[in-house]
Amino acid sequence: MNIIFGKEAAAELSNKHTLLELDTITIKDSAPITVYCVIEHIPLDELPRTESLKDMHSALMENYRNRHWEFCEDAIRFLMGAWGKEADTFYENLLERVSNYKENDPGPDWTGIVAKQ
């Protein structure tokens, strides 16, 4: 899986490749930037449901930003193993965050942006 930084770079590749939004991040004091992954190999048995998998992934990210934790958990369970398991590490990490946020509300100022060092 390749990682793409920024909406402009993603837009250039979106016509030829399957892209999934991962996170919006900041690095130190930088402006937020959205990170995407390029799915390099879609298994043949997943080709008929590629669009529905992409739609579910998009709904996952939207519901994550809107704090719908239960939807996120269900969507992650559905998506685990998809994309030839290329995105499973991301889904595992996101599930861990969601579980933490369910137990410890992130507060009213939470935007979903991940601060990286």
Protein backbone atom coordinates (compact mmCIF):
# COMPACT_ATOMS: atom_id res chain seq x y z
CA MET A 1 0.00 0.00 0.00
CA ASN A 2 1.29 3.44 -0.91
CA ILE A 3 0.42 6.53 1.10
CA ILE A 4 -0.59 9.80 -0.56
CA PHE A 5 -0.59 13.13 1.26
CA GLY A 6 -3.09 15.82 0.34
CA LYS A 7 -6.33 16.08 -1.56
CA GLU A 8 -4.64 17.46 -4.68
CA ALA A 9 -2.32 14.48 -5.03
CA ALA A 10 -5.20 12.10 -4.35
CA ALA A 11 -7.37 13.77 -6.98
CA GLU A 12 -4.69 13.20 -9.61
CA LEU A 13 -4.63 9.47 -8.88
CA SER A 14 -8.30 8.82 -8.19
CA ASN A 15 -9.24 8.21 -11.82
CA LYS A 16 -6.72 5.39 -12.23
CA HIS A 17 -6.46 3.87 -8.74
CA THR A 18 -8.59 2.89 -5.79
CA LEU A 19 -7.92 5.42 -3.02
CA LEU A 20 -9.15 5.33 0.55
CA GLU A 21 -9.07 8.28 2.92
CA LEU A 22 -7.21 7.36 6.07
CA ASP A 23 -6.79 10.25 8.46
CA THR A 24 -6.35 13.96 8.59
CA ILE A 25 -3.16 14.70 10.47
CA THR A 26 -0.99 17.52 11.70
CA ILE A 27 2.75 17.22 12.16
CA LYS A 28 4.00 19.51 14.89
CA ASP A 29 2.43 22.90 14.03
CA SER A 30 1.58 22.14 10.40
CA ALA A 31 -1.78 22.72 8.80
CA PRO A 32 -4.00 19.63 8.69
CA ILE A 33 -3.40 17.36 5.72
CA THR A 34 -5.53 14.42 4.65
CA VAL A 35 -3.75 11.12 4.09
CA TYR A 36 -4.92 8.48 1.62
CA CYS A 37 -3.80 5.00 0.72
CA VAL A 38 -3.60 3.55 -2.76
CA ILE A 39 -4.94 0.02 -2.85
CA GLU A 40 -2.48 -1.71 -5.12
CA HIS A 41 -4.02 -5.14 -5.57
CA ILE A 42 -7.73 -5.84 -5.35
CA PRO A 43 -8.37 -9.58 -5.15
CA LEU A 44 -10.43 -10.89 -8.05
CA ASP A 45 -13.23 -12.07 -5.77
CA GLU A 46 -13.59 -8.51 -4.41
CA LEU A 47 -13.86 -6.78 -7.80
CA PRO A 48 -17.68 -7.05 -7.98
CA ARG A 49 -18.02 -5.34 -4.59
CA THR A 50 -15.25 -2.76 -4.89
CA GLU A 51 -17.67 0.17 -5.07
CA SER A 52 -19.68 -1.02 -2.07
CA LEU A 53 -16.45 -1.50 -0.08
CA LYS A 54 -15.34 2.02 -1.02
CA ASP A 55 -18.76 3.36 0.02
CA MET A 56 -18.54 1.55 3.36
CA HIS A 57 -15.05 2.90 3.97
CA SER A 58 -16.24 6.46 3.19
CA ALA A 59 -19.20 6.01 5.55
CA LEU A 60 -16.80 4.74 8.21
CA MET A 61 -14.68 7.88 7.98
CA GLU A 62 -17.72 10.18 8.01
CA ASN A 63 -19.20 8.41 11.03
CA TYR A 64 -15.82 8.52 12.79
CA ARG A 65 -15.72 12.31 12.45
CA ASN A 66 -19.34 12.44 13.68
CA ARG A 67 -18.57 10.25 16.72
CA HIS A 68 -20.89 7.40 15.78
CA TRP A 69 -18.68 4.83 17.48
CA GLU A 70 -20.99 1.83 17.16
CA PHE A 71 -21.29 2.33 13.40
CA CYS A 72 -17.50 2.56 13.21
CA GLU A 73 -17.03 -0.69 15.07
CA ASP A 74 -19.49 -2.49 12.80
CA ALA A 75 -17.99 -1.00 9.64
CA ILE A 76 -14.45 -1.92 10.69
CA ARG A 77 -15.50 -5.51 11.36
CA PHE A 78 -17.10 -5.60 7.91
CA LEU A 79 -14.04 -4.11 6.21
CA MET A 80 -11.36 -6.15 7.98
CA GLY A 81 -9.85 -8.53 5.45
CA ALA A 82 -11.07 -6.49 2.47
CA TRP A 83 -8.62 -5.03 -0.03
CA GLY A 84 -6.46 -8.14 0.25
CA LYS A 85 -5.90 -7.10 3.88
CA GLU A 86 -3.87 -4.06 2.71
CA ALA A 87 -5.78 -1.70 5.01
CA ASP A 88 -6.14 -4.01 8.02
CA THR A 89 -3.42 -2.26 10.04
CA PHE A 90 -5.29 1.03 9.63
CA TYR A 91 -8.60 -0.60 10.60
CA GLU A 92 -7.02 -2.17 13.69
CA ASN A 93 -5.57 1.19 14.73
CA LEU A 94 -8.87 2.98 14.12
CA LEU A 95 -10.79 0.34 16.08
CA GLU A 96 -8.43 0.88 19.00
CA ARG A 97 -9.05 4.64 18.86
CA VAL A 98 -12.82 4.16 18.60
CA SER A 99 -12.82 1.81 21.61
CA ASN A 100 -10.85 4.37 23.58
CA TYR A 101 -13.20 7.20 22.59
CA LYS A 102 -16.23 5.13 23.62
CA GLU A 103 -14.73 4.77 27.09
CA ASN A 104 -13.18 8.26 27.27
CA ASP A 105 -15.15 10.93 25.45
CA PRO A 106 -12.66 13.00 23.43
CA GLY A 107 -14.37 16.25 24.47
CA PRO A 108 -16.23 18.98 22.62
CA ASP A 109 -13.12 20.34 20.85
CA TRP A 110 -12.27 17.00 19.21
CA THR A 111 -12.09 17.29 15.43
CA GLY A 112 -10.87 13.84 14.46
CA ILE A 113 -7.52 15.26 13.39
CA VAL A 114 -4.61 13.12 14.54
CA ALA A 115 -1.55 14.95 15.87
CA LYS A 116 1.74 13.31 14.86
CA GLN A 117 5.14 14.15 16.28
